[in-house]
């Protein structure tokens, strides 16, 4: 699937929030969407990615952010915000979410 297939709620909760922090984080979530068959799988894998990034060492973060790792505390704050957003979206039944198609 592509990020265009996400509901507006999920797109805003993850993609838009990631972009507020750093474009490379947005890119990582966007690439993740291509590994998913549907929105629920994307949300679940996003939660796993957040967990990995929260505990990543500086070398891995440099890889993820193409040689320029962000401040770890600010990254964790951004990831916590995305996690909070995901929790809100998960309370919205899929049939009540808004899709462009």
Protein backbone atom coordinates (compact mmCIF):
# COMPACT_ATOMS: atom_id res chain seq x y z
CA UNK A 1 0.00 0.00 0.00
CA UNK A 2 0.98 3.65 -0.25
CA UNK A 3 0.50 6.52 2.20
CA UNK A 4 -2.24 7.78 -0.15
CA UNK A 5 -4.25 4.72 0.91
CA UNK A 6 -4.26 5.76 4.57
CA UNK A 7 -7.25 7.37 6.21
CA UNK A 8 -6.97 11.08 6.82
CA UNK A 9 -6.87 10.39 10.55
CA UNK A 10 -3.94 7.98 10.33
CA UNK A 11 -2.08 10.10 7.81
CA UNK A 12 -2.31 13.14 10.06
CA UNK A 13 -1.47 11.17 13.21
CA UNK A 14 1.70 9.62 11.80
CA UNK A 15 2.90 11.16 8.55
CA UNK A 16 2.06 14.80 9.26
CA UNK A 17 3.36 14.57 12.82
CA UNK A 18 6.60 12.93 11.65
CA UNK A 19 7.06 15.72 9.09
CA UNK A 20 6.74 18.32 11.84
CA UNK A 21 9.82 16.79 13.40
CA UNK A 22 12.01 15.81 10.44
CA UNK A 23 11.51 14.92 6.79
CA UNK A 24 13.69 11.82 7.12
CA UNK A 25 11.37 10.46 9.82
CA UNK A 26 8.46 11.01 7.45
CA UNK A 27 10.35 9.13 4.77
CA UNK A 28 10.88 6.14 7.08
CA UNK A 29 7.18 5.91 7.89
CA UNK A 30 6.34 6.37 4.22
CA UNK A 31 8.64 3.54 3.20
CA UNK A 32 7.09 1.39 5.89
CA UNK A 33 3.69 1.75 4.23
CA UNK A 34 4.92 -0.14 1.16
CA UNK A 35 5.51 -3.20 3.36
CA UNK A 36 1.89 -3.23 4.57
CA UNK A 37 -1.27 -4.69 3.09
CA UNK A 38 -3.66 -2.34 4.89
CA UNK A 39 -3.96 0.52 7.36
CA UNK A 40 -4.15 -1.68 10.44
CA UNK A 41 -0.88 -3.37 9.53
CA UNK A 42 0.70 0.04 8.90
CA UNK A 43 -0.38 1.26 12.34
CA UNK A 44 0.98 -1.89 14.01
CA UNK A 45 4.31 -1.67 12.18
CA UNK A 46 4.53 2.05 12.97
CA UNK A 47 4.26 1.24 16.65
CA UNK A 48 7.10 -1.27 16.28
CA UNK A 49 9.23 1.27 14.38
CA UNK A 50 8.67 3.80 17.14
CA UNK A 51 9.86 1.24 19.70
CA UNK A 52 13.01 0.56 17.70
CA UNK A 53 13.79 4.25 17.25
CA UNK A 54 13.24 5.08 20.91
CA UNK A 55 16.02 2.71 21.93
CA UNK A 56 18.30 3.11 18.92
CA UNK A 57 21.92 4.02 19.43
CA UNK A 58 23.49 7.04 17.77
CA UNK A 59 25.02 5.00 14.92
CA UNK A 60 21.63 3.58 13.95
CA UNK A 61 20.01 7.01 14.18
CA UNK A 62 22.68 8.42 11.89
CA UNK A 63 21.76 5.68 9.41
CA UNK A 64 18.03 6.41 9.72
CA UNK A 65 18.56 10.15 9.37
CA UNK A 66 21.12 9.90 6.56
CA UNK A 67 24.18 10.91 8.55
CA UNK A 68 22.61 13.64 10.68
CA UNK A 69 21.04 12.16 13.77
CA UNK A 70 18.66 14.53 15.57
CA UNK A 71 18.76 15.31 19.26
CA UNK A 72 17.69 12.07 20.97
CA UNK A 73 15.42 13.74 23.53
CA UNK A 74 13.59 15.72 20.85
CA UNK A 75 13.23 12.56 18.77
CA UNK A 76 11.75 10.70 21.73
CA UNK A 77 9.29 13.56 22.31
CA UNK A 78 8.21 13.42 18.66
CA UNK A 79 7.84 9.64 18.79
CA UNK A 80 5.77 9.88 21.96
CA UNK A 81 3.48 12.39 20.26
CA UNK A 82 3.06 10.04 17.30
CA UNK A 83 2.35 7.15 19.69
CA UNK A 84 -0.27 9.26 21.46
CA UNK A 85 -1.83 10.11 18.10
CA UNK A 86 -1.88 6.44 17.10
CA UNK A 87 -3.67 5.54 20.34
CA UNK A 88 -6.38 8.07 19.50
CA UNK A 89 -6.75 6.75 15.94
CA UNK A 90 -7.02 3.16 17.15
CA UNK A 91 -10.18 4.16 19.03
CA UNK A 92 -11.82 5.18 15.74
CA UNK A 93 -13.37 2.18 14.00
CA UNK A 94 -11.95 1.74 10.51
CA UNK A 95 -15.40 2.26 8.96
CA UNK A 96 -15.65 5.68 10.65
CA UNK A 97 -12.30 6.90 9.32
CA UNK A 98 -12.21 9.11 6.25
CA UNK A 99 -10.52 7.91 3.06
CA UNK A 100 -9.98 9.76 -0.21
CA UNK A 101 -11.14 6.82 -2.29
